[in-house]
């Protein structure tokens, strides 16, 4: 008797599970290395998003004629 379509893929070999877990762990480690967070000290509070956008816009904008 063939397996019912709803049960296909529900049983995963434990070896496959271990490989997937090792791969996930390796990917998390690579991601952590690639996207490291800067160290923020107690006095270094990050600027709110809107303030950071405004600052970037000002830096990217050409100088005004009076400047």
N, C-alpha and C. Protein backbone atom coordinates (compact mmCIF):
# COMPACT_ATOMS: atom_id res chain seq x y z
N UNK A 1 0.85 -1.17 0.00
CA UNK A 1 0.00 0.00 0.00
C UNK A 1 0.90 1.25 0.00
N UNK A 2 0.72 2.18 -0.93
CA UNK A 2 1.57 3.38 -0.98
C UNK A 2 1.25 4.33 0.17
N UNK A 3 2.25 5.15 0.53
CA UNK A 3 2.06 6.13 1.60
C UNK A 3 1.07 7.20 1.16
N UNK A 4 0.29 7.67 2.10
CA UNK A 4 -0.69 8.70 1.76
C UNK A 4 0.03 10.00 1.44
N UNK A 5 -0.52 10.83 0.54
CA UNK A 5 0.16 12.06 0.15
C UNK A 5 0.40 13.02 1.31
N UNK A 6 -0.45 13.03 2.31
CA UNK A 6 -0.29 13.94 3.44
C UNK A 6 0.87 13.58 4.33
N UNK A 7 1.35 12.35 4.29
CA UNK A 7 2.44 11.93 5.17
C UNK A 7 3.79 12.04 4.50
N UNK A 8 3.86 12.34 3.24
CA UNK A 8 5.14 12.42 2.53
C UNK A 8 6.00 13.54 3.12
N UNK A 9 7.22 13.22 3.50
CA UNK A 9 8.16 14.22 4.00
C UNK A 9 8.06 14.49 5.49
N UNK A 10 7.14 13.85 6.18
CA UNK A 10 7.02 14.11 7.61
C UNK A 10 8.12 13.41 8.40
N UNK A 11 8.61 12.29 7.92
CA UNK A 11 9.67 11.57 8.61
C UNK A 11 11.00 11.94 7.96
N UNK A 12 11.90 12.53 8.74
CA UNK A 12 13.19 12.94 8.21
C UNK A 12 14.27 12.11 8.89
N UNK A 13 15.19 11.62 8.11
CA UNK A 13 16.31 10.83 8.61
C UNK A 13 17.09 11.68 9.61
N UNK A 14 17.49 11.09 10.75
CA UNK A 14 18.21 11.84 11.77
C UNK A 14 19.55 12.36 11.25
N UNK A 15 20.17 11.65 10.33
CA UNK A 15 21.42 12.11 9.72
C UNK A 15 21.20 13.40 8.94
N UNK A 16 20.09 13.47 8.22
CA UNK A 16 19.76 14.68 7.47
C UNK A 16 19.51 15.83 8.43
N UNK A 17 18.81 15.55 9.52
CA UNK A 17 18.53 16.58 10.52
C UNK A 17 19.83 17.14 11.09
N UNK A 18 20.79 16.26 11.39
CA UNK A 18 22.08 16.71 11.94
C UNK A 18 22.83 17.57 10.94
N UNK A 19 22.81 17.20 9.67
CA UNK A 19 23.49 17.97 8.63
C UNK A 19 22.85 19.36 8.51
N UNK A 20 21.54 19.40 8.54
CA UNK A 20 20.83 20.68 8.43
C UNK A 20 21.17 21.57 9.62
N UNK A 21 21.20 21.01 10.82
CA UNK A 21 21.53 21.80 12.01
C UNK A 21 22.96 22.33 11.95
N UNK A 22 23.91 21.50 11.48
CA UNK A 22 25.30 21.97 11.34
C UNK A 22 25.39 23.08 10.29
N UNK A 23 24.65 22.92 9.20
CA UNK A 23 24.67 23.93 8.16
C UNK A 23 24.08 25.25 8.68
N UNK A 24 22.98 25.16 9.42
CA UNK A 24 22.38 26.37 10.00
C UNK A 24 23.34 27.06 10.96
N UNK A 25 24.03 26.28 11.78
CA UNK A 25 24.99 26.85 12.72
C UNK A 25 26.12 27.55 11.97
N UNK A 26 26.61 26.92 10.91
CA UNK A 26 27.68 27.53 10.12
C UNK A 26 27.21 28.82 9.46
N UNK A 27 25.99 28.84 8.95
CA UNK A 27 25.45 30.04 8.31
C UNK A 27 25.28 31.17 9.33
N UNK A 28 24.81 30.84 10.54
CA UNK A 28 24.67 31.86 11.58
C UNK A 28 26.03 32.46 11.93
N UNK A 29 27.06 31.62 12.02
CA UNK A 29 28.40 32.10 12.33
C UNK A 29 28.93 32.99 11.21
N UNK A 30 28.74 32.59 9.98
CA UNK A 30 29.19 33.41 8.85
C UNK A 30 28.45 34.74 8.83
N UNK A 31 27.16 34.71 9.10
CA UNK A 31 26.37 35.94 9.13
C UNK A 31 26.85 36.86 10.25
N UNK A 32 27.14 36.28 11.40
CA UNK A 32 27.62 37.07 12.54
C UNK A 32 28.94 37.75 12.18
N UNK A 33 29.82 37.04 11.49
CA UNK A 33 31.10 37.63 11.10
C UNK A 33 30.92 38.70 10.04
N UNK A 34 30.03 38.47 9.09
CA UNK A 34 29.85 39.41 7.98
C UNK A 34 29.13 40.68 8.41
N UNK A 35 28.22 40.56 9.36
CA UNK A 35 27.40 41.70 9.77
C UNK A 35 27.59 42.00 11.24
N UNK A 36 28.82 42.26 11.62
CA UNK A 36 29.11 42.54 13.02
C UNK A 36 28.49 43.86 13.43
N UNK A 37 28.02 43.89 14.64
CA UNK A 37 27.44 45.11 15.20
C UNK A 37 28.56 45.91 15.84
N UNK A 38 28.58 47.23 15.64
CA UNK A 38 29.61 48.03 16.30
C UNK A 38 29.39 48.01 17.81
N UNK A 39 30.49 48.09 18.54
CA UNK A 39 30.38 48.15 19.99
C UNK A 39 29.80 49.51 20.38
N UNK A 40 28.75 49.49 21.13
CA UNK A 40 28.11 50.72 21.58
C UNK A 40 28.26 50.80 23.09
N UNK A 41 28.95 51.84 23.54
CA UNK A 41 29.16 52.02 24.97
C UNK A 41 27.92 52.61 25.61
N UNK A 42 27.89 52.72 26.92
CA UNK A 42 26.72 53.24 27.62
C UNK A 42 26.38 54.68 27.23
N UNK A 43 27.37 55.49 26.85
CA UNK A 43 27.12 56.88 26.47
C UNK A 43 26.84 57.03 24.98
N UNK A 44 27.09 55.99 24.21
CA UNK A 44 26.91 56.04 22.76
C UNK A 44 25.52 55.54 22.38
N UNK A 45 24.53 56.36 22.57
CA UNK A 45 23.16 55.97 22.22
C UNK A 45 22.98 56.24 20.73
N UNK A 46 22.54 55.26 19.96
CA UNK A 46 22.36 55.49 18.53
C UNK A 46 21.28 56.54 18.27
N UNK A 47 21.46 57.30 17.21
CA UNK A 47 20.50 58.33 16.84
C UNK A 47 19.22 57.69 16.32
N UNK A 48 18.09 58.33 16.56
CA UNK A 48 16.84 57.82 16.00
C UNK A 48 16.93 57.77 14.47
N UNK A 49 16.18 56.88 13.86
CA UNK A 49 16.24 56.66 12.43
C UNK A 49 15.99 57.93 11.64
N UNK A 50 14.99 58.71 12.01
CA UNK A 50 14.69 59.94 11.30
C UNK A 50 15.85 60.92 11.34
N UNK A 51 16.49 61.03 12.49
CA UNK A 51 17.63 61.93 12.64
C UNK A 51 18.79 61.47 11.77
N UNK A 52 19.03 60.18 11.72
CA UNK A 52 20.11 59.64 10.89
C UNK A 52 19.83 59.90 9.41
N UNK A 53 18.58 59.73 8.97
CA UNK A 53 18.22 60.00 7.58
C UNK A 53 18.45 61.47 7.23
N UNK A 54 18.04 62.36 8.12
CA UNK A 54 18.21 63.79 7.89
C UNK A 54 19.68 64.14 7.76
N UNK A 55 20.50 63.57 8.63
CA UNK A 55 21.93 63.84 8.59
C UNK A 55 22.53 63.34 7.29
N UNK A 56 22.16 62.14 6.84
CA UNK A 56 22.68 61.61 5.58
C UNK A 56 22.23 62.47 4.40
N UNK A 57 20.98 62.94 4.44
CA UNK A 57 20.47 63.79 3.37
C UNK A 57 21.27 65.08 3.28
N UNK A 58 21.56 65.68 4.43
CA UNK A 58 22.33 66.91 4.44
C UNK A 58 23.74 66.70 3.91
N UNK A 59 24.33 65.56 4.27
CA UNK A 59 25.69 65.26 3.82
C UNK A 59 25.72 65.00 2.31
N UNK A 60 24.64 64.42 1.77
CA UNK A 60 24.61 64.08 0.36
C UNK A 60 24.18 65.25 -0.51
N UNK A 61 23.47 66.22 0.06
CA UNK A 61 22.96 67.36 -0.70
C UNK A 61 24.10 68.31 -1.07
N UNK A 62 24.00 68.91 -2.28
CA UNK A 62 25.02 69.89 -2.66
C UNK A 62 24.90 71.12 -1.76
N UNK A 63 25.98 71.85 -1.56
CA UNK A 63 25.93 73.02 -0.68
C UNK A 63 25.00 74.10 -1.24
N UNK A 64 24.38 74.84 -0.36
CA UNK A 64 23.51 75.94 -0.76
C UNK A 64 24.37 77.07 -1.33
N UNK A 65 23.78 77.90 -2.21
CA UNK A 65 24.57 78.99 -2.82
C UNK A 65 25.18 79.92 -1.80
N UNK A 66 24.58 80.11 -0.64
CA UNK A 66 25.12 81.01 0.37
C UNK A 66 26.23 80.41 1.21
N UNK A 67 26.52 79.13 1.05
CA UNK A 67 27.52 78.48 1.91
C UNK A 67 28.90 78.49 1.29
